Amino acid sequence: MQEPFKTLAENFINSIPNLFSAALIIIVSYYGGVLLSRLLNRGLVRNKAEEGVTQLLTRTTKWVVFVLGLITALQKFFDVTAFLTGLGILGFTIGFALQNIMQNFVSGVILLLQQPFKVGDAASVAAHDGTVLKIGLRTTEIKTFDGLFVFLPNADILSQPIVNYTRAKLRRIQLPVGVAYDSDTELVRAVILNELQKVKGVLSDPAPQVLFHTFGGSSIDLDIFFWVDTTDPHISPFTAKDEALTLIKKAFEEKGIDIPFPIRTLLMPEKK
């Protein structure tokens, strides 16, 4: 009876150095990961990195260092190669079952690293126009200009075009207008350009343009092009377009320039 206990005691005594070294490796890897993640966090904050990117990189760094230390510690007691192989097979099985979740997660990481938009940007994301509220690892939250809160899977975002309105400091506005055939085209052009000078935010460089392009069914059709500086929070393409249309219509009325509209004449056969 004493022999098994003696063998067990000897094995335990012989494994004490490995236990101490394994514990030391785990402790060092844990606090080393914490220290490294803090240093990385300071560097990213100093370089004004996006908050989501900072959190992702610091957390990943901490856990990668800890897991590597844990594997090294376990190596002192048994060959972890077979364990990692089995873990890899299990991970593949779980990953296949959670394919959509993993796809959204990876897409979230790509969004945080590439930064096609940031929190607070006005953007068109997956056909939804609004302000970006939060960029998560699985979904992105947007508040539409209509006041709706939309949660978009990150994989859907990456598979569709993204338009960032905030990054476009200058925006070109296009207004289609039609005038009567008896209108003086040079007068029309001069009136429009004069009124555009009164619109807040309209730039003189690039200069506004008035281009006639089509003889329509009831009017000479033209396009008005002008650029707006959107860095002013009180100016938007919507307000600039509204002000331009209002001023141009009023000026046309004062100058006697008609904006025609189609007229339909219906001929009804007489009843016999």
C-alpha atoms as a PDB file:
ATOM      1  CA  MET A   1       0.000   0.000   0.000  1.00  0.00           C
ATOM      2  CA  GLN A   2       2.871   2.353   0.739  1.00  0.00           C
ATOM      3  CA  GLU A   3       4.486   1.900  -2.663  1.00  0.00           C
ATOM      4  CA  PRO A   4       1.794   3.757  -4.706  1.00  0.00           C
ATOM      5  CA  PHE A   5       1.777   6.646  -2.239  1.00  0.00           C
ATOM      6  CA  LYS A   6       5.562   6.749  -2.296  1.00  0.00           C
ATOM      7  CA  THR A   7       5.556   6.886  -6.095  1.00  0.00           C
ATOM      8  CA  LEU A   8       2.894   9.572  -6.098  1.00  0.00           C
ATOM      9  CA  ALA A   9       4.850  11.638  -3.574  1.00  0.00           C
ATOM     10  CA  GLU A  10       8.044  11.311  -5.587  1.00  0.00           C
ATOM     11  CA  ASN A  11       6.258  12.359  -8.779  1.00  0.00           C
ATOM     12  CA  PHE A  12       4.784  15.345  -7.010  1.00  0.00           C
ATOM     13  CA  ILE A  13       8.153  16.391  -5.590  1.00  0.00           C
ATOM     14  CA  ASN A  14       9.780  15.999  -8.991  1.00  0.00           C
ATOM     15  CA  SER A  15       7.072  18.120 -10.616  1.00  0.00           C
ATOM     16  CA  ILE A  16       7.398  20.988  -8.110  1.00  0.00           C
ATOM     17  CA  PRO A  17      10.019  22.839 -10.224  1.00  0.00           C
ATOM     18  CA  ASN A  18       7.773  22.543 -13.272  1.00  0.00           C
ATOM     19  CA  LEU A  19       4.777  23.762 -11.269  1.00  0.00           C
ATOM     20  CA  PHE A  20       6.688  26.808 -10.059  1.00  0.00           C
ATOM     21  CA  SER A  21       8.067  27.606 -13.511  1.00  0.00           C
ATOM     22  CA  ALA A  22       4.640  27.115 -15.132  1.00  0.00           C
ATOM     23  CA  ALA A  23       2.983  29.358 -12.556  1.00  0.00           C
ATOM     24  CA  LEU A  24       5.713  31.957 -13.055  1.00  0.00           C
ATOM     25  CA  ILE A  25       5.268  31.837 -16.841  1.00  0.00           C
ATOM     26  CA  ILE A  26       1.488  32.308 -16.521  1.00  0.00           C
ATOM     27  CA  ILE A  27       1.871  35.231 -14.092  1.00  0.00           C
ATOM     28  CA  VAL A  28       4.538  36.922 -16.218  1.00  0.00           C
ATOM     29  CA  SER A  29       2.558  36.432 -19.436  1.00  0.00           C
ATOM     30  CA  TYR A  30      -0.614  37.843 -17.855  1.00  0.00           C
ATOM     31  CA  TYR A  31       0.974  40.975 -16.411  1.00  0.00           C
ATOM     32  CA  GLY A  32       3.261  41.268 -19.419  1.00  0.00           C
ATOM     33  CA  GLY A  33       0.211  41.296 -21.689  1.00  0.00           C
ATOM     34  CA  VAL A  34      -1.466  43.913 -19.504  1.00  0.00           C
ATOM     35  CA  LEU A  35       1.662  46.103 -19.540  1.00  0.00           C
ATOM     36  CA  LEU A  36       2.141  45.725 -23.291  1.00  0.00           C
ATOM     37  CA  SER A  37      -1.515  46.547 -23.977  1.00  0.00           C
ATOM     38  CA  ARG A  38      -1.259  49.694 -21.821  1.00  0.00           C
ATOM     39  CA  LEU A  39       1.858  50.843 -23.658  1.00  0.00           C
ATOM     40  CA  LEU A  40       0.135  50.181 -26.969  1.00  0.00           C
ATOM     41  CA  ASN A  41      -2.948  52.072 -25.772  1.00  0.00           C
ATOM     42  CA  ARG A  42      -0.846  55.134 -24.883  1.00  0.00           C
ATOM     43  CA  GLY A  43       0.805  55.105 -28.286  1.00  0.00           C
ATOM     44  CA  LEU A  44      -2.493  54.790 -30.134  1.00  0.00           C
ATOM     45  CA  VAL A  45      -4.125  57.544 -28.066  1.00  0.00           C
ATOM     46  CA  ARG A  46      -1.111  59.780 -28.658  1.00  0.00           C
ATOM     47  CA  ASN A  47      -1.513  59.247 -32.405  1.00  0.00           C
ATOM     48  CA  LYS A  48      -5.276  59.936 -32.155  1.00  0.00           C
ATOM     49  CA  ALA A  49      -6.340  56.487 -33.324  1.00  0.00           C
ATOM     50  CA  GLU A  50     -10.031  55.619 -33.481  1.00  0.00           C
ATOM     51  CA  GLU A  51     -11.378  54.425 -30.111  1.00  0.00           C
ATOM     52  CA  GLY A  52     -12.704  51.190 -31.576  1.00  0.00           C
ATOM     53  CA  VAL A  53      -9.338  50.378 -33.167  1.00  0.00           C
ATOM     54  CA  THR A  54      -7.551  51.143 -29.896  1.00  0.00           C
ATOM     55  CA  GLN A  55      -9.787  48.820 -27.878  1.00  0.00           C
ATOM     56  CA  LEU A  56      -9.530  46.036 -30.437  1.00  0.00           C
ATOM     57  CA  LEU A  57      -5.725  46.096 -30.665  1.00  0.00           C
ATOM     58  CA  THR A  58      -5.087  46.453 -26.923  1.00  0.00           C
ATOM     59  CA  ARG A  59      -7.448  43.628 -25.944  1.00  0.00           C
ATOM     60  CA  THR A  60      -6.135  41.360 -28.678  1.00  0.00           C
ATOM     61  CA  THR A  61      -2.536  42.026 -27.632  1.00  0.00           C
ATOM     62  CA  LYS A  62      -3.241  41.240 -23.971  1.00  0.00           C
ATOM     63  CA  TRP A  63      -4.975  37.932 -24.694  1.00  0.00           C
ATOM     64  CA  VAL A  64      -2.510  36.777 -27.342  1.00  0.00           C
ATOM     65  CA  VAL A  65       0.403  37.224 -24.920  1.00  0.00           C
ATOM     66  CA  PHE A  66      -1.492  35.417 -22.152  1.00  0.00           C
ATOM     67  CA  VAL A  67      -2.529  32.484 -24.374  1.00  0.00           C
ATOM     68  CA  LEU A  68       1.042  32.046 -25.643  1.00  0.00           C
ATOM     69  CA  GLY A  69       2.279  32.006 -22.057  1.00  0.00           C
ATOM     70  CA  LEU A  70      -0.391  29.478 -21.074  1.00  0.00           C
ATOM     71  CA  ILE A  71       0.601  27.157 -23.934  1.00  0.00           C
ATOM     72  CA  THR A  72       4.262  27.437 -22.927  1.00  0.00           C
ATOM     73  CA  ALA A  73       3.380  26.575 -19.327  1.00  0.00           C
ATOM     74  CA  LEU A  74       1.313  23.535 -20.337  1.00  0.00           C
ATOM     75  CA  GLN A  75       4.193  22.313 -22.501  1.00  0.00           C
ATOM     76  CA  LYS A  76       6.098  21.485 -19.301  1.00  0.00           C
ATOM     77  CA  PHE A  77       3.600  18.769 -18.377  1.00  0.00           C
ATOM     78  CA  PHE A  78       2.561  17.230 -21.689  1.00  0.00           C
ATOM     79  CA  ASP A  79       2.897  17.609 -25.437  1.00  0.00           C
ATOM     80  CA  VAL A  80       0.363  20.272 -26.375  1.00  0.00           C
ATOM     81  CA  THR A  81       0.649  19.552 -30.111  1.00  0.00           C
ATOM     82  CA  ALA A  82      -2.087  16.916 -30.061  1.00  0.00           C
ATOM     83  CA  PHE A  83      -4.189  19.149 -27.832  1.00  0.00           C
ATOM     84  CA  LEU A  84      -3.846  22.082 -30.220  1.00  0.00           C
ATOM     85  CA  THR A  85      -4.679  19.835 -33.168  1.00  0.00           C
ATOM     86  CA  GLY A  86      -7.881  18.704 -31.489  1.00  0.00           C
ATOM     87  CA  LEU A  87      -8.623  22.273 -30.492  1.00  0.00           C
ATOM     88  CA  GLY A  88      -8.157  23.332 -34.100  1.00  0.00           C
ATOM     89  CA  ILE A  89     -10.634  20.727 -35.318  1.00  0.00           C
ATOM     90  CA  LEU A  90     -13.106  21.810 -32.654  1.00  0.00           C
ATOM     91  CA  GLY A  91     -12.575  25.445 -33.599  1.00  0.00           C
ATOM     92  CA  PHE A  92     -13.182  24.650 -37.262  1.00  0.00           C
ATOM     93  CA  THR A  93     -16.441  22.900 -36.391  1.00  0.00           C
ATOM     94  CA  ILE A  94     -17.619  25.770 -34.209  1.00  0.00           C
ATOM     95  CA  GLY A  95     -16.508  28.303 -36.810  1.00  0.00           C
ATOM     96  CA  PHE A  96     -18.501  26.549 -39.516  1.00  0.00           C
ATOM     97  CA  ALA A  97     -21.591  26.560 -37.290  1.00  0.00           C
ATOM     98  CA  LEU A  98     -21.089  30.240 -36.462  1.00  0.00           C
ATOM     99  CA  GLN A  99     -20.070  31.252 -39.972  1.00  0.00           C
ATOM    100  CA  ASN A 100     -22.271  34.346 -40.187  1.00  0.00           C
ATOM    101  CA  ILE A 101     -21.210  35.600 -36.766  1.00  0.00           C
ATOM    102  CA  MET A 102     -17.531  35.107 -37.597  1.00  0.00           C
ATOM    103  CA  GLN A 103     -18.000  36.799 -40.960  1.00  0.00           C
ATOM    104  CA  ASN A 104     -19.534  39.837 -39.274  1.00  0.00           C
ATOM    105  CA  PHE A 105     -16.760  39.820 -36.662  1.00  0.00           C
ATOM    106  CA  VAL A 106     -14.001  39.792 -39.280  1.00  0.00           C
ATOM    107  CA  SER A 107     -15.831  42.500 -41.238  1.00  0.00           C
ATOM    108  CA  GLY A 108     -16.025  44.581 -38.048  1.00  0.00           C
ATOM    109  CA  VAL A 109     -12.269  44.286 -37.582  1.00  0.00           C
ATOM    110  CA  ILE A 110     -11.719  45.381 -41.193  1.00  0.00           C
ATOM    111  CA  LEU A 111     -14.036  48.377 -40.724  1.00  0.00           C
ATOM    112  CA  LEU A 112     -12.186  49.438 -37.573  1.00  0.00           C
ATOM    113  CA  LEU A 113      -8.811  49.166 -39.289  1.00  0.00           C
ATOM    114  CA  GLN A 114      -9.680  50.683 -42.676  1.00  0.00           C
ATOM    115  CA  GLN A 115     -12.036  53.315 -41.227  1.00  0.00           C
ATOM    116  CA  PRO A 116     -14.195  54.151 -44.272  1.00  0.00           C
ATOM    117  CA  PHE A 117     -16.227  56.134 -41.737  1.00  0.00           C
ATOM    118  CA  LYS A 118     -15.948  57.145 -38.085  1.00  0.00           C
ATOM    119  CA  VAL A 119     -18.442  57.626 -35.283  1.00  0.00           C
ATOM    120  CA  GLY A 120     -20.244  60.908 -35.927  1.00  0.00           C
ATOM    121  CA  ASP A 121     -19.771  60.848 -39.712  1.00  0.00           C
ATOM    122  CA  ALA A 122     -22.727  61.403 -42.018  1.00  0.00           C
ATOM    123  CA  ALA A 123     -22.664  58.559 -44.507  1.00  0.00           C
ATOM    124  CA  SER A 124     -24.653  56.319 -46.807  1.00  0.00           C
ATOM    125  CA  VAL A 125     -24.089  52.780 -45.537  1.00  0.00           C
ATOM    126  CA  ALA A 126     -25.811  49.787 -47.124  1.00  0.00           C
ATOM    127  CA  ALA A 127     -28.377  52.135 -48.730  1.00  0.00           C
ATOM    128  CA  HIS A 128     -29.131  53.838 -45.384  1.00  0.00           C
ATOM    129  CA  ASP A 129     -28.347  57.562 -45.102  1.00  0.00           C
ATOM    130  CA  GLY A 130     -27.641  58.889 -41.635  1.00  0.00           C
ATOM    131  CA  THR A 131     -25.127  59.498 -38.850  1.00  0.00           C
ATOM    132  CA  VAL A 132     -22.864  56.705 -37.610  1.00  0.00           C
ATOM    133  CA  LEU A 133     -23.451  56.201 -33.866  1.00  0.00           C
ATOM    134  CA  LYS A 134     -21.412  53.083 -33.087  1.00  0.00           C
ATOM    135  CA  ILE A 135     -19.078  50.698 -34.891  1.00  0.00           C
ATOM    136  CA  GLY A 136     -19.149  47.312 -33.176  1.00  0.00           C
ATOM    137  CA  LEU A 137     -17.404  44.054 -33.970  1.00  0.00           C
ATOM    138  CA  ARG A 138     -20.655  42.497 -35.248  1.00  0.00           C
ATOM    139  CA  THR A 139     -22.969  45.377 -36.191  1.00  0.00           C
ATOM    140  CA  THR A 140     -22.807  49.087 -36.939  1.00  0.00           C
ATOM    141  CA  GLU A 141     -25.475  51.421 -35.569  1.00  0.00           C
ATOM    142  CA  ILE A 142     -26.750  54.300 -37.701  1.00  0.00           C
ATOM    143  CA  LYS A 143     -29.318  56.981 -36.969  1.00  0.00           C
ATOM    144  CA  THR A 144     -30.984  57.847 -40.263  1.00  0.00           C
ATOM    145  CA  PHE A 145     -31.864  61.404 -41.213  1.00  0.00           C
ATOM    146  CA  ASP A 146     -35.487  60.375 -40.589  1.00  0.00           C
ATOM    147  CA  GLY A 147     -34.648  59.617 -36.946  1.00  0.00           C
ATOM    148  CA  LEU A 148     -34.652  55.812 -37.241  1.00  0.00           C
ATOM    149  CA  PHE A 149     -32.030  53.625 -35.545  1.00  0.00           C
ATOM    150  CA  VAL A 150     -30.669  50.960 -37.897  1.00  0.00           C
ATOM    151  CA  PHE A 151     -28.350  48.101 -36.882  1.00  0.00           C
ATOM    152  CA  LEU A 152     -26.453  46.818 -39.910  1.00  0.00           C
ATOM    153  CA  PRO A 153     -24.434  43.561 -40.013  1.00  0.00           C
ATOM    154  CA  ASN A 154     -20.836  44.461 -40.790  1.00  0.00           C
ATOM    155  CA  ALA A 155     -20.597  41.846 -43.542  1.00  0.00           C
ATOM    156  CA  ASP A 156     -23.451  43.563 -45.409  1.00  0.00           C
ATOM    157  CA  ILE A 157     -21.682  46.917 -45.099  1.00  0.00           C
ATOM    158  CA  LEU A 158     -18.446  45.687 -46.676  1.00  0.00           C
ATOM    159  CA  SER A 159     -20.296  44.070 -49.581  1.00  0.00           C
ATOM    160  CA  GLN A 160     -21.952  47.356 -50.647  1.00  0.00           C
ATOM    161  CA  PRO A 161     -20.747  50.832 -51.663  1.00  0.00           C
ATOM    162  CA  ILE A 162     -20.094  53.285 -48.819  1.00  0.00           C
ATOM    163  CA  VAL A 163     -20.465  57.047 -49.286  1.00  0.00           C
ATOM    164  CA  ASN A 164     -18.923  59.262 -46.599  1.00  0.00           C
ATOM    165  CA  TYR A 165     -20.535  62.709 -46.730  1.00  0.00           C
ATOM    166  CA  THR A 166     -18.470  64.145 -43.867  1.00  0.00           C
ATOM    167  CA  ARG A 167     -15.136  63.597 -45.583  1.00  0.00           C
ATOM    168  CA  ALA A 168     -16.376  65.503 -48.627  1.00  0.00           C
ATOM    169  CA  LYS A 169     -15.660  69.034 -47.448  1.00  0.00           C
ATOM    170  CA  LEU A 170     -16.940  70.432 -50.742  1.00  0.00           C
ATOM    171  CA  ARG A 171     -20.160  69.193 -52.351  1.00  0.00           C
ATOM    172  CA  ARG A 172     -21.420  69.899 -55.868  1.00  0.00           C
ATOM    173  CA  ILE A 173     -25.114  70.634 -56.219  1.00  0.00           C
ATOM    174  CA  GLN A 174     -27.035  70.094 -59.473  1.00  0.00           C
ATOM    175  CA  LEU A 175     -30.379  71.790 -60.118  1.00  0.00           C
ATOM    176  CA  PRO A 176     -32.380  71.051 -63.296  1.00  0.00           C
ATOM    177  CA  VAL A 177     -34.450  73.997 -64.581  1.00  0.00           C
ATOM    178  CA  GLY A 178     -36.559  74.607 -67.681  1.00  0.00           C
ATOM    179  CA  VAL A 179     -37.368  78.033 -69.204  1.00  0.00           C
ATOM    180  CA  ALA A 180     -39.729  79.106 -71.970  1.00  0.00           C
ATOM    181  CA  TYR A 181     -38.544  79.008 -75.586  1.00  0.00           C
ATOM    182  CA  ASP A 182     -38.881  82.773 -75.966  1.00  0.00           C
ATOM    183  CA  SER A 183     -36.522  83.406 -73.035  1.00  0.00           C
ATOM    184  CA  ASP A 184     -33.234  85.253 -73.518  1.00  0.00           C
ATOM    185  CA  THR A 185     -30.746  82.509 -72.655  1.00  0.00           C
ATOM    186  CA  GLU A 186     -27.965  84.961 -71.761  1.00  0.00           C
ATOM    187  CA  LEU A 187     -30.326  86.848 -69.441  1.00  0.00           C
ATOM    188  CA  VAL A 188     -31.374  83.552 -67.845  1.00  0.00           C
ATOM    189  CA  ARG A 189     -27.736  82.630 -67.288  1.00  0.00           C
ATOM    190  CA  ALA A 190     -26.876  86.038 -65.820  1.00  0.00           C
ATOM    191  CA  VAL A 191     -29.885  86.055 -63.472  1.00  0.00           C
ATOM    192  CA  ILE A 192     -29.094  82.586 -62.120  1.00  0.00           C
ATOM    193  CA  LEU A 193     -25.401  83.327 -61.557  1.00  0.00           C
ATOM    194  CA  ASN A 194     -26.266  86.591 -59.824  1.00  0.00           C
ATOM    195  CA  GLU A 195     -28.700  84.872 -57.441  1.00  0.00           C
ATOM    196  CA  LEU A 196     -26.229  82.111 -56.620  1.00  0.00           C
ATOM    197  CA  GLN A 197     -23.874  84.751 -55.213  1.00  0.00           C
ATOM    198  CA  LYS A 198     -26.467  85.416 -52.498  1.00  0.00           C
ATOM    199  CA  VAL A 199     -26.692  81.786 -51.343  1.00  0.00           C
ATOM    200  CA  LYS A 200     -24.784  81.063 -48.131  1.00  0.00           C
ATOM    201  CA  GLY A 201     -21.888  78.666 -48.574  1.00  0.00           C
ATOM    202  CA  VAL A 202     -21.748  78.755 -52.385  1.00  0.00           C
ATOM    203  CA  LEU A 203     -18.122  78.923 -53.551  1.00  0.00           C
ATOM    204  CA  SER A 204     -16.758  81.217 -56.218  1.00  0.00           C
ATOM    205  CA  ASP A 205     -13.980  78.714 -56.927  1.00  0.00           C
ATOM    206  CA  PRO A 206     -14.943  76.337 -58.472  1.00  0.00           C
ATOM    207  CA  ALA A 207     -17.266  78.816 -60.140  1.00  0.00           C
ATOM    208  CA  PRO A 208     -20.987  78.069 -60.598  1.00  0.00           C
ATOM    209  CA  GLN A 209     -22.081  76.982 -64.083  1.00  0.00           C
ATOM    210  CA  VAL A 210     -25.311  77.248 -66.053  1.00  0.00           C
ATOM    211  CA  LEU A 211     -25.374  74.812 -68.974  1.00  0.00           C
ATOM    212  CA  PHE A 212     -28.221  74.470 -71.482  1.00  0.00           C
ATOM    213  CA  HIS A 213     -28.448  70.909 -72.740  1.00  0.00           C
ATOM    214  CA  THR A 214     -31.868  69.970 -74.184  1.00  0.00           C
ATOM    215  CA  PHE A 215     -34.755  71.369 -76.211  1.00  0.00           C
ATOM    216  CA  GLY A 216     -37.553  69.777 -74.236  1.00  0.00           C
ATOM    217  CA  GLY A 217     -41.177  69.244 -75.101  1.00  0.00           C
ATOM    218  CA  SER A 218     -42.241  72.566 -73.583  1.00  0.00           C
ATOM    219  CA  SER A 219     -39.018  74.231 -72.401  1.00  0.00           C
ATOM    220  CA  ILE A 220     -35.324  74.775 -72.928  1.00  0.00           C
ATOM    221  CA  ASP A 221     -33.768  72.606 -70.238  1.00  0.00           C
ATOM    222  CA  LEU A 222     -30.634  73.578 -68.370  1.00  0.00           C
ATOM    223  CA  ASP A 223     -28.591  72.368 -65.400  1.00  0.00           C
ATOM    224  CA  ILE A 224     -27.237  74.599 -62.660  1.00  0.00           C
ATOM    225  CA  PHE A 225     -24.008  73.444 -60.993  1.00  0.00           C
ATOM    226  CA  PHE A 226     -22.455  75.013 -57.913  1.00  0.00           C
ATOM    227  CA  TRP A 227     -20.182  73.943 -55.070  1.00  0.00           C
ATOM    228  CA  VAL A 228     -20.947  74.297 -51.362  1.00  0.00           C
ATOM    229  CA  ASP A 229     -18.540  74.382 -48.412  1.00  0.00           C
ATOM    230  CA  THR A 230     -20.011  71.897 -45.911  1.00  0.00           C
ATOM    231  CA  THR A 231     -17.433  72.516 -43.162  1.00  0.00           C
ATOM    232  CA  ASP A 232     -19.765  75.179 -41.750  1.00  0.00           C
ATOM    233  CA  PRO A 233     -22.231  73.338 -39.456  1.00  0.00           C
ATOM    234  CA  HIS A 234     -24.963  75.836 -40.419  1.00  0.00           C
ATOM    235  CA  ILE A 235     -24.669  75.022 -44.127  1.00  0.00           C
ATOM    236  CA  SER A 236     -25.779  71.818 -45.822  1.00  0.00           C
ATOM    237  CA  PRO A 237     -26.476  70.811 -49.436  1.00  0.00           C
ATOM    238  CA  PHE A 238     -30.180  70.696 -48.577  1.00  0.00           C
ATOM    239  CA  THR A 239     -30.375  74.262 -47.235  1.00  0.00           C
ATOM    240  CA  ALA A 240     -28.205  75.578 -50.080  1.00  0.00           C
ATOM    241  CA  LYS A 241     -30.444  73.935 -52.680  1.00  0.00           C
ATOM    242  CA  ASP A 242     -33.570  75.290 -50.988  1.00  0.00           C
ATOM    243  CA  GLU A 243     -32.206  78.840 -50.836  1.00  0.00           C
ATOM    244  CA  ALA A 244     -30.979  78.733 -54.439  1.00  0.00           C
ATOM    245  CA  LEU A 245     -34.326  77.541 -55.818  1.00  0.00           C
ATOM    246  CA  THR A 246     -36.224  80.146 -53.806  1.00  0.00           C
ATOM    247  CA  LEU A 247     -34.027  83.035 -54.971  1.00  0.00           C
ATOM    248  CA  ILE A 248     -33.981  81.905 -58.618  1.00  0.00           C
ATOM    249  CA  LYS A 249     -37.766  81.534 -58.801  1.00  0.00           C
ATOM    250  CA  LYS A 250     -38.267  84.989 -57.293  1.00  0.00           C
ATOM    251  CA  ALA A 251     -35.744  86.531 -59.710  1.00  0.00           C
ATOM    252  CA  PHE A 252     -37.393  84.825 -62.694  1.00  0.00           C
ATOM    253  CA  GLU A 253     -40.747  86.303 -61.697  1.00  0.00           C
ATOM    254  CA  GLU A 254     -39.224  89.798 -61.427  1.00  0.00           C
ATOM    255  CA  LYS A 255     -37.494  89.508 -64.827  1.00  0.00           C
ATOM    256  CA  GLY A 256     -40.508  87.980 -66.572  1.00  0.00           C
ATOM    257  CA  ILE A 257     -38.798  84.659 -67.243  1.00  0.00           C
ATOM    258  CA  ASP A 258     -41.375  81.886 -67.473  1.00  0.00           C
ATOM    259  CA  ILE A 259     -40.928  78.348 -66.196  1.00  0.00           C
ATOM    260  CA  PRO A 260     -43.328  76.442 -68.482  1.00  0.00           C
ATOM    261  CA  PHE A 261     -45.120  73.247 -67.689  1.00  0.00           C
ATOM    262  CA  PRO A 262     -46.634  70.653 -70.034  1.00  0.00           C
ATOM    263  CA  ILE A 263     -50.234  71.265 -71.100  1.00  0.00           C
ATOM    264  CA  ARG A 264     -52.411  68.347 -72.128  1.00  0.00           C
ATOM    265  CA  THR A 265     -55.399  68.985 -74.397  1.00  0.00           C
ATOM    266  CA  LEU A 266     -58.079  66.318 -74.367  1.00  0.00           C
ATOM    267  CA  LEU A 267     -60.458  66.084 -77.327  1.00  0.00           C
ATOM    268  CA  MET A 268     -63.658  64.290 -76.456  1.00  0.00           C
ATOM    269  CA  PRO A 269     -65.690  62.927 -79.366  1.00  0.00           C
ATOM    270  CA  GLU A 270     -69.182  64.342 -79.581  1.00  0.00           C
ATOM    271  CA  LYS A 271     -71.989  61.976 -78.824  1.00  0.00           C
ATOM    272  CA  LYS A 272     -74.341  61.467 -81.716  1.00  0.00           C
END
